Amino acid sequence: MKKLVALALIASIALVGCGKPQNLPTGPKGETKHYPTYGLFNENTAKSDKVCYELSIGNVVWSIILVETIVMPIYFIGWSIFNPVAAKPEGGCGIDATSK
């Protein structure tokens, strides 16, 4: 049992690195700002309207693999499911982006 708990702790420490926070340029003079990952539980406090985000496939896969642990999927989906990828251009992000 002790080996199982130790293995679970080591695995959880190793898996936390799946999210990729970024330092992105957002100002007109090239200033950068740190943007963290966000999930369903911290969307109101961690998501920025100035940044485009993508789904973290690694966190989705690990959530599925570790579904029986309950804790890790809650962490991944709740706080680290979306990664910042780029500063949002004036037209927006993704499929709904408008070009000028």
PDB file of N, CA and C in Angstrom:
ATOM      1  N   MET A   1       0.825  -1.200   0.000  1.00  0.00           N
ATOM      2  CA  MET A   1       0.000   0.000   0.000  1.00  0.00           C
ATOM      3  C   MET A   1       0.867   1.260   0.000  1.00  0.00           C
ATOM      4  N   LYS A   2       1.962   1.235   0.772  1.00  0.00           N
ATOM      5  CA  LYS A   2       2.846   2.395   0.826  1.00  0.00           C
ATOM      6  C   LYS A   2       3.485   2.657  -0.536  1.00  0.00           C
ATOM      7  N   LYS A   3       3.815   1.584  -1.243  1.00  0.00           N
ATOM      8  CA  LYS A   3       4.409   1.747  -2.570  1.00  0.00           C
ATOM      9  C   LYS A   3       3.409   2.373  -3.535  1.00  0.00           C
ATOM     10  N   LEU A   4       2.152   1.991  -3.416  1.00  0.00           N
ATOM     11  CA  LEU A   4       1.118   2.538  -4.284  1.00  0.00           C
ATOM     12  C   LEU A   4       0.920   4.034  -4.037  1.00  0.00           C
ATOM     13  N   VAL A   5       0.905   4.428  -2.771  1.00  0.00           N
ATOM     14  CA  VAL A   5       0.761   5.845  -2.426  1.00  0.00           C
ATOM     15  C   VAL A   5       1.969   6.634  -2.916  1.00  0.00           C
ATOM     16  N   ALA A   6       3.159   6.094  -2.726  1.00  0.00           N
ATOM     17  CA  ALA A   6       4.376   6.773  -3.189  1.00  0.00           C
ATOM     18  C   ALA A   6       4.375   6.909  -4.705  1.00  0.00           C
ATOM     19  N   LEU A   7       3.960   5.873  -5.397  1.00  0.00           N
ATOM     20  CA  LEU A   7       3.895   5.922  -6.856  1.00  0.00           C
ATOM     21  C   LEU A   7       2.877   6.954  -7.319  1.00  0.00           C
ATOM     22  N   ALA A   8       1.738   7.033  -6.649  1.00  0.00           N
ATOM     23  CA  ALA A   8       0.720   8.018  -6.998  1.00  0.00           C
ATOM     24  C   ALA A   8       1.232   9.441  -6.781  1.00  0.00           C
ATOM     25  N   LEU A   9       1.955   9.679  -5.701  1.00  0.00           N
ATOM     26  CA  LEU A   9       2.511  11.009  -5.444  1.00  0.00           C
ATOM     27  C   LEU A   9       3.560  11.393  -6.484  1.00  0.00           C
ATOM     28  N   ILE A  10       4.421  10.475  -6.826  1.00  0.00           N
ATOM     29  CA  ILE A  10       5.449  10.753  -7.837  1.00  0.00           C
ATOM     30  C   ILE A  10       4.801  11.017  -9.189  1.00  0.00           C
ATOM     31  N   ALA A  11       3.802  10.215  -9.540  1.00  0.00           N
ATOM     32  CA  ALA A  11       3.112  10.406 -10.813  1.00  0.00           C
ATOM     33  C   ALA A  11       2.405  11.755 -10.856  1.00  0.00           C
ATOM     34  N   SER A  12       1.772  12.145  -9.751  1.00  0.00           N
ATOM     35  CA  SER A  12       1.060  13.423  -9.746  1.00  0.00           C
ATOM     36  C   SER A  12       2.025  14.594  -9.856  1.00  0.00           C
ATOM     37  N   ILE A  13       3.171  14.505  -9.245  1.00  0.00           N
ATOM     38  CA  ILE A  13       4.173  15.578  -9.359  1.00  0.00           C
ATOM     39  C   ILE A  13       4.676  15.658 -10.801  1.00  0.00           C
ATOM     40  N   ALA A  14       4.895  14.523 -11.429  1.00  0.00           N
ATOM     41  CA  ALA A  14       5.390  14.507 -12.806  1.00  0.00           C
ATOM     42  C   ALA A  14       4.337  15.021 -13.792  1.00  0.00           C
ATOM     43  N   LEU A  15       3.077  14.829 -13.486  1.00  0.00           N
ATOM     44  CA  LEU A  15       2.019  15.189 -14.427  1.00  0.00           C
ATOM     45  C   LEU A  15       1.607  16.646 -14.361  1.00  0.00           C
ATOM     46  N   VAL A  16       1.975  17.347 -13.337  1.00  0.00           N
ATOM     47  CA  VAL A  16       1.565  18.739 -13.195  1.00  0.00           C
ATOM     48  C   VAL A  16       2.160  19.592 -14.313  1.00  0.00           C
ATOM     49  N   GLY A  17       3.225  19.155 -14.939  1.00  0.00           N
ATOM     50  CA  GLY A  17       3.886  19.918 -15.982  1.00  0.00           C
ATOM     51  C   GLY A  17       3.193  19.906 -17.338  1.00  0.00           C
ATOM     52  N   CYS A  18       2.008  19.332 -17.447  1.00  0.00           N
ATOM     53  CA  CYS A  18       1.325  19.265 -18.745  1.00  0.00           C
ATOM     54  C   CYS A  18       0.818  20.632 -19.203  1.00  0.00           C
ATOM     55  N   GLY A  19       0.389  21.472 -18.292  1.00  0.00           N
ATOM     56  CA  GLY A  19      -0.060  22.818 -18.648  1.00  0.00           C
ATOM     57  C   GLY A  19       1.141  23.680 -19.009  1.00  0.00           C
ATOM     58  N   LYS A  20       0.960  24.609 -19.933  1.00  0.00           N
ATOM     59  CA  LYS A  20       2.073  25.447 -20.377  1.00  0.00           C
ATOM     60  C   LYS A  20       1.718  26.927 -20.242  1.00  0.00           C
ATOM     61  N   PRO A  21       1.934  27.511 -19.062  1.00  0.00           N
ATOM     62  CA  PRO A  21       1.750  28.960 -18.954  1.00  0.00           C
ATOM     63  C   PRO A  21       2.740  29.662 -19.883  1.00  0.00           C
ATOM     64  N   GLN A  22       2.402  30.855 -20.340  1.00  0.00           N
ATOM     65  CA  GLN A  22       3.238  31.564 -21.316  1.00  0.00           C
ATOM     66  C   GLN A  22       3.487  33.004 -20.890  1.00  0.00           C
ATOM     67  N   ASN A  23       4.607  33.535 -21.313  1.00  0.00           N
ATOM     68  CA  ASN A  23       4.881  34.962 -21.243  1.00  0.00           C
ATOM     69  C   ASN A  23       4.659  35.498 -22.652  1.00  0.00           C
ATOM     70  N   LEU A  24       3.610  36.288 -22.826  1.00  0.00           N
ATOM     71  CA  LEU A  24       3.224  36.741 -24.161  1.00  0.00           C
ATOM     72  C   LEU A  24       3.316  38.256 -24.283  1.00  0.00           C
ATOM     73  N   PRO A  25       3.734  38.744 -25.465  1.00  0.00           N
ATOM     74  CA  PRO A  25       3.734  40.192 -25.678  1.00  0.00           C
ATOM     75  C   PRO A  25       2.303  40.691 -25.883  1.00  0.00           C
ATOM     76  N   THR A  26       1.906  41.689 -25.110  1.00  0.00           N
ATOM     77  CA  THR A  26       0.542  42.201 -25.227  1.00  0.00           C
ATOM     78  C   THR A  26       0.501  43.708 -25.395  1.00  0.00           C
ATOM     79  N   GLY A  27       1.571  44.395 -25.055  1.00  0.00           N
ATOM     80  CA  GLY A  27       1.566  45.846 -25.140  1.00  0.00           C
ATOM     81  C   GLY A  27       2.070  46.347 -26.475  1.00  0.00           C
ATOM     82  N   PRO A  28       1.831  47.614 -26.789  1.00  0.00           N
ATOM     83  CA  PRO A  28       2.279  48.175 -28.063  1.00  0.00           C
ATOM     84  C   PRO A  28       3.803  48.287 -28.153  1.00  0.00           C
ATOM     85  N   LYS A  29       4.475  48.339 -27.016  1.00  0.00           N
ATOM     86  CA  LYS A  29       5.933  48.450 -27.015  1.00  0.00           C
ATOM     87  C   LYS A  29       6.617  47.099 -26.816  1.00  0.00           C
ATOM     88  N   GLY A  30       5.864  46.019 -26.955  1.00  0.00           N
ATOM     89  CA  GLY A  30       6.436  44.687 -26.823  1.00  0.00           C
ATOM     90  C   GLY A  30       6.536  44.196 -25.396  1.00  0.00           C
ATOM     91  N   GLU A  31       5.818  44.819 -24.462  1.00  0.00           N
ATOM     92  CA  GLU A  31       5.844  44.356 -23.085  1.00  0.00           C
ATOM     93  C   GLU A  31       5.261  42.945 -23.019  1.00  0.00           C
ATOM     94  N   THR A  32       5.811  42.123 -22.139  1.00  0.00           N
ATOM     95  CA  THR A  32       5.281  40.779 -21.971  1.00  0.00           C
ATOM     96  C   THR A  32       4.601  40.659 -20.616  1.00  0.00           C
ATOM     97  N   LYS A  33       3.670  39.733 -20.543  1.00  0.00           N
ATOM     98  CA  LYS A  33       2.951  39.470 -19.312  1.00  0.00           C
ATOM     99  C   LYS A  33       2.790  37.959 -19.173  1.00  0.00           C
ATOM    100  N   HIS A  34       2.812  37.473 -17.947  1.00  0.00           N
ATOM    101  CA  HIS A  34       2.666  36.042 -17.676  1.00  0.00           C
ATOM    102  C   HIS A  34       1.182  35.667 -17.659  1.00  0.00           C
ATOM    103  N   TYR A  35       0.806  34.689 -18.468  1.00  0.00           N
ATOM    104  CA  TYR A  35      -0.566  34.204 -18.523  1.00  0.00           C
ATOM    105  C   TYR A  35      -0.595  32.737 -18.112  1.00  0.00           C
ATOM    106  N   PRO A  36      -1.331  32.408 -17.049  1.00  0.00           N
ATOM    107  CA  PRO A  36      -1.383  31.019 -16.577  1.00  0.00           C
ATOM    108  C   PRO A  36      -2.402  30.196 -17.364  1.00  0.00           C
ATOM    109  N   THR A  37      -2.362  28.894 -17.141  1.00  0.00           N
ATOM    110  CA  THR A  37      -3.406  28.035 -17.678  1.00  0.00           C
ATOM    111  C   THR A  37      -4.682  28.279 -16.867  1.00  0.00           C
ATOM    112  N   TYR A  38      -5.817  27.887 -17.428  1.00  0.00           N
ATOM    113  CA  TYR A  38      -7.059  27.997 -16.659  1.00  0.00           C
ATOM    114  C   TYR A  38      -7.954  26.800 -16.948  1.00  0.00           C
ATOM    115  N   GLY A  39      -8.932  26.623 -16.072  1.00  0.00           N
ATOM    116  CA  GLY A  39      -9.881  25.525 -16.226  1.00  0.00           C
ATOM    117  C   GLY A  39     -11.281  25.991 -15.892  1.00  0.00           C
ATOM    118  N   LEU A  40     -12.149  25.052 -15.635  1.00  0.00           N
ATOM    119  CA  LEU A  40     -13.541  25.387 -15.375  1.00  0.00           C
ATOM    120  C   LEU A  40     -13.749  26.116 -14.051  1.00  0.00           C
ATOM    121  N   PHE A  41     -12.898  25.840 -13.054  1.00  0.00           N
ATOM    122  CA  PHE A  41     -13.090  26.431 -11.732  1.00  0.00           C
ATOM    123  C   PHE A  41     -12.465  27.810 -11.577  1.00  0.00           C
ATOM    124  N   ASN A  42     -11.449  28.139 -12.371  1.00  0.00           N
ATOM    125  CA  ASN A  42     -10.801  29.445 -12.226  1.00  0.00           C
ATOM    126  C   ASN A  42     -10.889  30.289 -13.496  1.00  0.00           C
ATOM    127  N   GLU A  43     -11.872  30.030 -14.318  1.00  0.00           N
ATOM    128  CA  GLU A  43     -12.033  30.763 -15.573  1.00  0.00           C
ATOM    129  C   GLU A  43     -12.237  32.260 -15.334  1.00  0.00           C
ATOM    130  N   ASN A  44     -12.999  32.617 -14.333  1.00  0.00           N
ATOM    131  CA  ASN A  44     -13.288  34.033 -14.067  1.00  0.00           C
ATOM    132  C   ASN A  44     -12.071  34.802 -13.582  1.00  0.00           C
ATOM    133  N   THR A  45     -11.110  34.127 -12.964  1.00  0.00           N
ATOM    134  CA  THR A  45      -9.950  34.828 -12.414  1.00  0.00           C
ATOM    135  C   THR A  45      -8.673  34.658 -13.233  1.00  0.00           C
ATOM    136  N   ALA A  46      -8.541  33.579 -14.003  1.00  0.00           N
ATOM    137  CA  ALA A  46      -7.283  33.315 -14.705  1.00  0.00           C
ATOM    138  C   ALA A  46      -7.344  33.525 -16.212  1.00  0.00           C
ATOM    139  N   LYS A  47      -8.526  33.563 -16.796  1.00  0.00           N
ATOM    140  CA  LYS A  47      -8.639  33.725 -18.248  1.00  0.00           C
ATOM    141  C   LYS A  47      -8.558  35.206 -18.616  1.00  0.00           C
ATOM    142  N   SER A  48      -7.800  35.496 -19.679  1.00  0.00           N
ATOM    143  CA  SER A  48      -7.650  36.865 -20.157  1.00  0.00           C
ATOM    144  C   SER A  48      -8.347  37.038 -21.502  1.00  0.00           C
ATOM    145  N   ASP A  49      -8.982  38.182 -21.692  1.00  0.00           N
ATOM    146  CA  ASP A  49      -9.607  38.492 -22.973  1.00  0.00           C
ATOM    147  C   ASP A  49      -8.586  38.891 -24.032  1.00  0.00           C
ATOM    148  N   LYS A  50      -7.331  39.067 -23.635  1.00  0.00           N
ATOM    149  CA  LYS A  50      -6.283  39.502 -24.561  1.00  0.00           C
ATOM    150  C   LYS A  50      -5.485  38.340 -25.147  1.00  0.00           C
ATOM    151  N   VAL A  51      -5.862  37.101 -24.811  1.00  0.00           N
ATOM    152  CA  VAL A  51      -5.063  35.935 -25.184  1.00  0.00           C
ATOM    153  C   VAL A  51      -5.934  34.871 -25.837  1.00  0.00           C
ATOM    154  N   CYS A  52      -5.368  34.177 -26.825  1.00  0.00           N
ATOM    155  CA  CYS A  52      -6.020  33.016 -27.434  1.00  0.00           C
ATOM    156  C   CYS A  52      -5.583  31.772 -26.654  1.00  0.00           C
ATOM    157  N   TYR A  53      -6.514  30.863 -26.412  1.00  0.00           N
ATOM    158  CA  TYR A  53      -6.246  29.650 -25.652  1.00  0.00           C
ATOM    159  C   TYR A  53      -6.563  28.424 -26.489  1.00  0.00           C
ATOM    160  N   GLU A  54      -5.862  27.314 -26.178  1.00  0.00           N
ATOM    161  CA  GLU A  54      -6.120  26.026 -26.813  1.00  0.00           C
ATOM    162  C   GLU A  54      -6.312  24.971 -25.740  1.00  0.00           C
ATOM    163  N   LEU A  55      -7.078  23.955 -26.063  1.00  0.00           N
ATOM    164  CA  LEU A  55      -7.289  22.835 -25.177  1.00  0.00           C
ATOM    165  C   LEU A  55      -5.974  22.081 -25.004  1.00  0.00           C
ATOM    166  N   SER A  56      -5.643  21.722 -23.766  1.00  0.00           N
ATOM    167  CA  SER A  56      -4.432  20.959 -23.481  1.00  0.00           C
ATOM    168  C   SER A  56      -4.729  19.479 -23.673  1.00  0.00           C
ATOM    169  N   ILE A  57      -4.303  18.927 -24.801  1.00  0.00           N
ATOM    170  CA  ILE A  57      -4.567  17.530 -25.118  1.00  0.00           C
ATOM    171  C   ILE A  57      -3.905  16.614 -24.091  1.00  0.00           C
ATOM    172  N   GLY A  58      -2.726  16.971 -23.639  1.00  0.00           N
ATOM    173  CA  GLY A  58      -2.040  16.169 -22.622  1.00  0.00           C
ATOM    174  C   GLY A  58      -2.851  16.054 -21.345  1.00  0.00           C
ATOM    175  N   ASN A  59      -3.446  17.164 -20.907  1.00  0.00           N
ATOM    176  CA  ASN A  59      -4.257  17.123 -19.695  1.00  0.00           C
ATOM    177  C   ASN A  59      -5.542  16.332 -19.892  1.00  0.00           C
ATOM    178  N   VAL A  60      -6.105  16.365 -21.083  1.00  0.00           N
ATOM    179  CA  VAL A  60      -7.300  15.565 -21.368  1.00  0.00           C
ATOM    180  C   VAL A  60      -6.952  14.079 -21.312  1.00  0.00           C
ATOM    181  N   VAL A  61      -5.834  13.708 -21.936  1.00  0.00           N
ATOM    182  CA  VAL A  61      -5.409  12.306 -21.942  1.00  0.00           C
ATOM    183  C   VAL A  61      -5.136  11.830 -20.524  1.00  0.00           C
ATOM    184  N   TRP A  62      -4.397  12.631 -19.747  1.00  0.00           N
ATOM    185  CA  TRP A  62      -4.102  12.231 -18.373  1.00  0.00           C
ATOM    186  C   TRP A  62      -5.361  12.171 -17.520  1.00  0.00           C
ATOM    187  N   SER A  63      -6.320  13.025 -17.772  1.00  0.00           N
ATOM    188  CA  SER A  63      -7.588  12.971 -17.037  1.00  0.00           C
ATOM    189  C   SER A  63      -8.315  11.660 -17.315  1.00  0.00           C
ATOM    190  N   ILE A  64      -8.268  11.211 -18.554  1.00  0.00           N
ATOM    191  CA  ILE A  64      -8.916   9.941 -18.908  1.00  0.00           C
ATOM    192  C   ILE A  64      -8.166   8.763 -18.292  1.00  0.00           C
ATOM    193  N   ILE A  65      -6.831   8.783 -18.390  1.00  0.00           N
ATOM    194  CA  ILE A  65      -6.030   7.688 -17.842  1.00  0.00           C
ATOM    195  C   ILE A  65      -6.205   7.595 -16.331  1.00  0.00           C
ATOM    196  N   LEU A  66      -6.238   8.730 -15.652  1.00  0.00           N
ATOM    197  CA  LEU A  66      -6.294   8.745 -14.188  1.00  0.00           C
ATOM    198  C   LEU A  66      -7.695   8.988 -13.640  1.00  0.00           C
ATOM    199  N   VAL A  67      -8.720   8.646 -14.403  1.00  0.00           N
ATOM    200  CA  VAL A  67     -10.093   8.906 -13.984  1.00  0.00           C
ATOM    201  C   VAL A  67     -10.422   8.213 -12.660  1.00  0.00           C
ATOM    202  N   GLU A  68      -9.808   7.087 -12.385  1.00  0.00           N
ATOM    203  CA  GLU A  68     -10.095   6.362 -11.148  1.00  0.00           C
ATOM    204  C   GLU A  68      -9.516   7.043  -9.909  1.00  0.00           C
ATOM    205  N   THR A  69      -8.542   7.916 -10.090  1.00  0.00           N
ATOM    206  CA  THR A  69      -7.970   8.603  -8.932  1.00  0.00           C
ATOM    207  C   THR A  69      -8.849   9.752  -8.459  1.00  0.00           C
ATOM    208  N   ILE A  70      -9.731  10.212  -9.264  1.00  0.00           N
ATOM    209  CA  ILE A  70     -10.685  11.302  -9.017  1.00  0.00           C
ATOM    210  C   ILE A  70      -9.989  12.651  -8.839  1.00  0.00           C
ATOM    211  N   VAL A  71      -8.930  12.707  -8.058  1.00  0.00           N
ATOM    212  CA  VAL A  71      -8.271  13.980  -7.747  1.00  0.00           C
ATOM    213  C   VAL A  71      -7.594  14.589  -8.967  1.00  0.00           C
ATOM    214  N   MET A  72      -6.849  13.811  -9.715  1.00  0.00           N
ATOM    215  CA  MET A  72      -6.089  14.363 -10.839  1.00  0.00           C
ATOM    216  C   MET A  72      -6.998  14.889 -11.952  1.00  0.00           C
ATOM    217  N   PRO A  73      -8.061  14.183 -12.354  1.00  0.00           N
ATOM    218  CA  PRO A  73      -8.947  14.762 -13.368  1.00  0.00           C
ATOM    219  C   PRO A  73      -9.610  16.055 -12.890  1.00  0.00           C
ATOM    220  N   ILE A  74      -9.952  16.120 -11.608  1.00  0.00           N
ATOM    221  CA  ILE A  74     -10.543  17.350 -11.082  1.00  0.00           C
ATOM    222  C   ILE A  74      -9.538  18.489 -11.191  1.00  0.00           C
ATOM    223  N   TYR A  75      -8.277  18.224 -10.863  1.00  0.00           N
ATOM    224  CA  TYR A  75      -7.255  19.273 -10.987  1.00  0.00           C
ATOM    225  C   TYR A  75      -7.098  19.695 -12.443  1.00  0.00           C
ATOM    226  N   PHE A  76      -6.887  18.733 -13.330  1.00  0.00           N
ATOM    227  CA  PHE A  76      -6.625  19.055 -14.735  1.00  0.00           C
ATOM    228  C   PHE A  76      -7.785  19.820 -15.372  1.00  0.00           C
ATOM    229  N   ILE A  77      -8.989  19.352 -15.166  1.00  0.00           N
ATOM    230  CA  ILE A  77     -10.146  19.988 -15.789  1.00  0.00           C
ATOM    231  C   ILE A  77     -10.517  21.278 -15.065  1.00  0.00           C
ATOM    232  N   GLY A  78     -10.338  21.303 -13.771  1.00  0.00           N
ATOM    233  CA  GLY A  78     -10.731  22.474 -12.988  1.00  0.00           C
ATOM    234  C   GLY A  78      -9.787  23.645 -13.068  1.00  0.00           C
ATOM    235  N   TRP A  79      -8.472  23.392 -13.190  1.00  0.00           N
ATOM    236  CA  TRP A  79      -7.520  24.497 -13.129  1.00  0.00           C
ATOM    237  C   TRP A  79      -6.491  24.544 -14.255  1.00  0.00           C
ATOM    238  N   SER A  80      -6.444  23.559 -15.141  1.00  0.00           N
ATOM    239  CA  SER A  80      -5.343  23.543 -16.102  1.00  0.00           C
ATOM    240  C   SER A  80      -5.705  22.892 -17.434  1.00  0.00           C
ATOM    241  N   ILE A  81      -6.896  23.090 -17.939  1.00  0.00           N
ATOM    242  CA  ILE A  81      -7.313  22.416 -19.169  1.00  0.00           C
ATOM    243  C   ILE A  81      -7.043  23.254 -20.429  1.00  0.00           C
ATOM    244  N   PHE A  82      -6.900  24.565 -20.279  1.00  0.00           N
ATOM    245  CA  PHE A  82      -6.634  25.439 -21.428  1.00  0.00           C
ATOM    246  C   PHE A  82      -5.288  26.125 -21.274  1.00  0.00           C
ATOM    247  N   ASN A  83      -4.481  26.100 -22.340  1.00  0.00           N
ATOM    248  CA  ASN A  83      -3.160  26.734 -22.361  1.00  0.00           C
ATOM    249  C   ASN A  83      -3.201  28.018 -23.191  1.00  0.00           C
ATOM    250  N   PRO A  84      -2.544  29.091 -22.716  1.00  0.00           N
ATOM    251  CA  PRO A  84      -2.430  30.288 -23.555  1.00  0.00           C
ATOM    252  C   PRO A  84      -1.463  30.006 -24.705  1.00  0.00           C
ATOM    253  N   VAL A  85      -1.812  30.466 -25.908  1.00  0.00           N
ATOM    254  CA  VAL A  85      -0.943  30.201 -27.059  1.00  0.00           C
ATOM    255  C   VAL A  85      -0.414  31.460 -27.728  1.00  0.00           C
ATOM    256  N   ALA A  86      -1.205  32.512 -27.770  1.00  0.00           N
ATOM    257  CA  ALA A  86      -0.752  33.730 -28.450  1.00  0.00           C
ATOM    258  C   ALA A  86      -1.588  34.915 -27.983  1.00  0.00           C
ATOM    259  N   ALA A  87      -1.001  36.101 -28.139  1.00  0.00           N
ATOM    260  CA  ALA A  87      -1.768  37.312 -27.872  1.00  0.00           C
ATOM    261  C   ALA A  87      -2.868  37.407 -28.920  1.00  0.00           C
ATOM    262  N   LYS A  88      -4.046  37.801 -28.502  1.00  0.00           N
ATOM    263  CA  LYS A  88      -5.201  37.841 -29.400  1.00  0.00           C
ATOM    264  C   LYS A  88      -5.055  38.993 -30.397  1.00  0.00           C
ATOM    265  N   PRO A  89      -5.099  38.689 -31.695  1.00  0.00           N
ATOM    266  CA  PRO A  89      -5.066  39.764 -32.692  1.00  0.00           C
ATOM    267  C   PRO A  89      -6.392  40.517 -32.688  1.00  0.00           C
ATOM    268  N   GLU A  90      -6.448  41.637 -33.356  1.00  0.00           N
ATOM    269  CA  GLU A  90      -7.651  42.461 -33.347  1.00  0.00           C
ATOM    270  C   GLU A  90      -8.869  41.736 -33.907  1.00  0.00           C
ATOM    271  N   GLY A  91      -8.674  40.814 -34.824  1.00  0.00           N
ATOM    272  CA  GLY A  91      -9.780  40.093 -35.431  1.00  0.00           C
ATOM    273  C   GLY A  91     -10.311  38.956 -34.570  1.00  0.00           C
ATOM    274  N   GLY A  92      -9.629  38.585 -33.508  1.00  0.00           N
ATOM    275  CA  GLY A  92     -10.050  37.495 -32.654  1.00  0.00           C
ATOM    276  C   GLY A  92      -9.225  36.245 -32.877  1.00  0.00           C
ATOM    277  N   CYS A  93      -9.695  35.143 -32.303  1.00  0.00           N
ATOM    278  CA  CYS A  93      -8.988  33.864 -32.375  1.00  0.00           C
ATOM    279  C   CYS A  93      -9.830  32.808 -33.059  1.00  0.00           C
ATOM    280  N   GLY A  94      -9.158  31.841 -33.617  1.00  0.00           N
ATOM    281  CA  GLY A  94      -9.824  30.645 -34.119  1.00  0.00           C
ATOM    282  C   GLY A  94     -10.685  30.858 -35.340  1.00  0.00           C
ATOM    283  N   ILE A  95     -11.713  30.038 -35.433  1.00  0.00           N
ATOM    284  CA  ILE A  95     -12.558  29.991 -36.623  1.00  0.00           C
ATOM    285  C   ILE A  95     -13.400  31.251 -36.785  1.00  0.00           C
ATOM    286  N   ASP A  96     -13.694  31.943 -35.689  1.00  0.00           N
ATOM    287  CA  ASP A  96     -14.515  33.138 -35.741  1.00  0.00           C
ATOM    288  C   ASP A  96     -13.703  34.413 -35.965  1.00  0.00           C
ATOM    289  N   ALA A  97     -12.402  34.263 -36.175  1.00  0.00           N
ATOM    290  CA  ALA A  97     -11.553  35.448 -36.381  1.00  0.00           C
ATOM    291  C   ALA A  97     -11.940  36.157 -37.669  1.00  0.00           C
ATOM    292  N   THR A  98     -11.957  37.463 -37.591  1.00  0.00           N
ATOM    293  CA  THR A  98     -12.243  38.262 -38.777  1.00  0.00           C
ATOM    294  C   THR A  98     -10.955  38.863 -39.290  1.00  0.00           C
ATOM    295  N   SER A  99     -10.806  38.928 -40.573  1.00  0.00           N
ATOM    296  CA  SER A  99      -9.602  39.535 -41.139  1.00  0.00           C
ATOM    297  C   SER A  99      -9.945  40.937 -41.637  1.00  0.00           C
ATOM    298  N   LYS A 100      -8.957  41.799 -41.556  1.00  0.00           N
ATOM    299  CA  LYS A 100      -9.150  43.199 -41.992  1.00  0.00           C
ATOM    300  C   LYS A 100      -8.461  43.437 -43.299  1.00  0.00           C
TER     301      LYS A 100
END
